[in-house]
Structure formats: C-alpha cells, structure tokens
Amino acid sequence: MLLNINTETSTNSIEKIIYTMACKNAVKAGDKLNHQEILNLFKELSKCKNPFTCPHGRPTMIKFDYIDLEKSLKE
C-alpha cells in the first residue's frame, strides 16, 4: 500500500516544528551574553532572509534613538 503524502503539508509541518524548536532555544530577554556571544548572534542574524523578526513575527531587535534611550534611563 502506497501512502499519498502531501509534500506541501509535510513541509509546513516540518517548518512549524523547526520554528518552535528555534523559539524555545532562542536567547530570551534577560539572558546574559558575553561580548563574543553577542557578536556571533549578530553574525548569524545577518545571514537570515529576514533578521528583524522571529518566524512567528516577533521582533528580534528594537531601534532606540539617543533621546528615547536617555528618557528610559532617567526614569
């Protein structure tokens, strides 16, 4: 008996599993990184097709201008 596997559905399921694994193992807010880990993270992010969001659409980085940063430190 041959199984008819829809390759599109199969690929989507595999991608969802990979995305979930990546998110669960990702650097989270509050995690401590040394200088080399930070550099490696940016190096790997630069290789991504879209380095600005995770596969679920959450931002991977936030842009602060000097004034916003200064305001947040004065509070």
C-alpha atoms as a PDB file:
ATOM      1  CA  MET A   1       0.000   0.000   0.000  1.00  0.00           C
ATOM      2  CA  LEU A   2       1.428   3.368  -1.005  1.00  0.00           C
ATOM      3  CA  LEU A   3       0.846   6.391   1.161  1.00  0.00           C
ATOM      4  CA  ASN A   4      -0.034   9.611  -0.580  1.00  0.00           C
ATOM      5  CA  ILE A   5       1.861  12.287   1.337  1.00  0.00           C
ATOM      6  CA  ASN A   6       1.100  15.876   0.518  1.00  0.00           C
ATOM      7  CA  THR A   7       4.597  17.379   0.359  1.00  0.00           C
ATOM      8  CA  GLU A   8       3.315  20.912   0.959  1.00  0.00           C
ATOM      9  CA  THR A   9       1.541  19.884   4.174  1.00  0.00           C
ATOM     10  CA  SER A  10       4.536  17.832   5.225  1.00  0.00           C
ATOM     11  CA  THR A  11       6.916  20.745   4.582  1.00  0.00           C
ATOM     12  CA  ASN A  12       4.672  23.148   6.519  1.00  0.00           C
ATOM     13  CA  SER A  13       4.531  20.750   9.473  1.00  0.00           C
ATOM     14  CA  ILE A  14       8.304  20.339   9.493  1.00  0.00           C
ATOM     15  CA  GLU A  15       8.787  24.114   9.272  1.00  0.00           C
ATOM     16  CA  LYS A  16       6.417  24.642  12.225  1.00  0.00           C
ATOM     17  CA  ILE A  17       8.394  22.142  14.296  1.00  0.00           C
ATOM     18  CA  ILE A  18      11.689  23.827  13.377  1.00  0.00           C
ATOM     19  CA  TYR A  19      10.268  27.296  14.165  1.00  0.00           C
ATOM     20  CA  THR A  20       9.007  26.113  17.547  1.00  0.00           C
ATOM     21  CA  MET A  21      12.333  24.489  18.405  1.00  0.00           C
ATOM     22  CA  ALA A  22      14.188  27.651  17.397  1.00  0.00           C
ATOM     23  CA  CYS A  23      11.953  29.883  19.521  1.00  0.00           C
ATOM     24  CA  LYS A  24      12.215  27.645  22.578  1.00  0.00           C
ATOM     25  CA  ASN A  25      16.021  27.626  22.315  1.00  0.00           C
ATOM     26  CA  ALA A  26      16.402  31.306  21.432  1.00  0.00           C
ATOM     27  CA  VAL A  27      18.062  33.975  23.535  1.00  0.00           C
ATOM     28  CA  LYS A  28      15.379  35.485  25.744  1.00  0.00           C
ATOM     29  CA  ALA A  29      15.055  38.898  27.391  1.00  0.00           C
ATOM     30  CA  GLY A  30      17.219  38.975  30.492  1.00  0.00           C
ATOM     31  CA  ASP A  31      19.649  36.290  29.285  1.00  0.00           C
ATOM     32  CA  LYS A  32      23.257  37.240  29.927  1.00  0.00           C
ATOM     33  CA  LEU A  33      25.565  37.139  26.892  1.00  0.00           C
ATOM     34  CA  ASN A  34      29.262  37.821  26.757  1.00  0.00           C
ATOM     35  CA  HIS A  35      30.784  40.032  24.064  1.00  0.00           C
ATOM     36  CA  GLN A  36      31.679  37.110  21.761  1.00  0.00           C
ATOM     37  CA  GLU A  37      28.162  35.630  22.028  1.00  0.00           C
ATOM     38  CA  ILE A  38      26.668  38.993  21.065  1.00  0.00           C
ATOM     39  CA  LEU A  39      28.953  39.282  18.034  1.00  0.00           C
ATOM     40  CA  ASN A  40      28.103  35.723  16.968  1.00  0.00           C
ATOM     41  CA  LEU A  41      24.393  36.431  17.347  1.00  0.00           C
ATOM     42  CA  PHE A  42      24.589  39.456  15.037  1.00  0.00           C
ATOM     43  CA  LYS A  43      26.731  37.494  12.583  1.00  0.00           C
ATOM     44  CA  GLU A  44      24.152  34.691  12.423  1.00  0.00           C
ATOM     45  CA  LEU A  45      21.233  37.151  12.229  1.00  0.00           C
ATOM     46  CA  SER A  46      22.853  38.856   9.241  1.00  0.00           C
ATOM     47  CA  LYS A  47      22.620  35.545   7.343  1.00  0.00           C
ATOM     48  CA  CYS A  48      18.827  35.373   7.742  1.00  0.00           C
ATOM     49  CA  LYS A  49      16.408  36.312   4.990  1.00  0.00           C
ATOM     50  CA  ASN A  50      14.519  38.482   7.493  1.00  0.00           C
ATOM     51  CA  PRO A  51      16.678  39.149  10.569  1.00  0.00           C
ATOM     52  CA  PHE A  52      14.205  41.586  12.127  1.00  0.00           C
ATOM     53  CA  THR A  53      11.539  39.100  13.275  1.00  0.00           C
ATOM     54  CA  CYS A  54      11.356  35.543  14.516  1.00  0.00           C
ATOM     55  CA  PRO A  55       9.340  33.032  12.428  1.00  0.00           C
ATOM     56  CA  HIS A  56       6.258  33.923  14.482  1.00  0.00           C
ATOM     57  CA  GLY A  57       6.620  37.636  13.695  1.00  0.00           C
ATOM     58  CA  ARG A  58       8.020  38.853  17.000  1.00  0.00           C
ATOM     59  CA  PRO A  59      10.797  41.460  16.731  1.00  0.00           C
ATOM     60  CA  THR A  60      14.377  40.280  17.213  1.00  0.00           C
ATOM     61  CA  MET A  61      15.680  43.778  17.830  1.00  0.00           C
ATOM     62  CA  ILE A  62      14.379  47.216  18.703  1.00  0.00           C
ATOM     63  CA  LYS A  63      15.778  50.507  17.462  1.00  0.00           C
ATOM     64  CA  PHE A  64      16.298  53.248  20.050  1.00  0.00           C
ATOM     65  CA  ASP A  65      17.340  56.736  19.185  1.00  0.00           C
ATOM     66  CA  TYR A  66      19.501  58.616  21.651  1.00  0.00           C
ATOM     67  CA  ILE A  67      16.622  60.666  23.093  1.00  0.00           C
ATOM     68  CA  ASP A  68      14.457  57.586  23.758  1.00  0.00           C
ATOM     69  CA  LEU A  69      17.380  55.811  25.401  1.00  0.00           C
ATOM     70  CA  GLU A  70      18.160  58.843  27.543  1.00  0.00           C
ATOM     71  CA  LYS A  71      14.496  59.122  28.636  1.00  0.00           C
ATOM     72  CA  SER A  72      14.321  55.456  29.608  1.00  0.00           C
ATOM     73  CA  LEU A  73      17.453  55.776  31.757  1.00  0.00           C
ATOM     74  CA  LYS A  74      16.212  58.856  33.606  1.00  0.00           C
ATOM     75  CA  GLU A  75      13.012  57.205  34.873  1.00  0.00           C
END
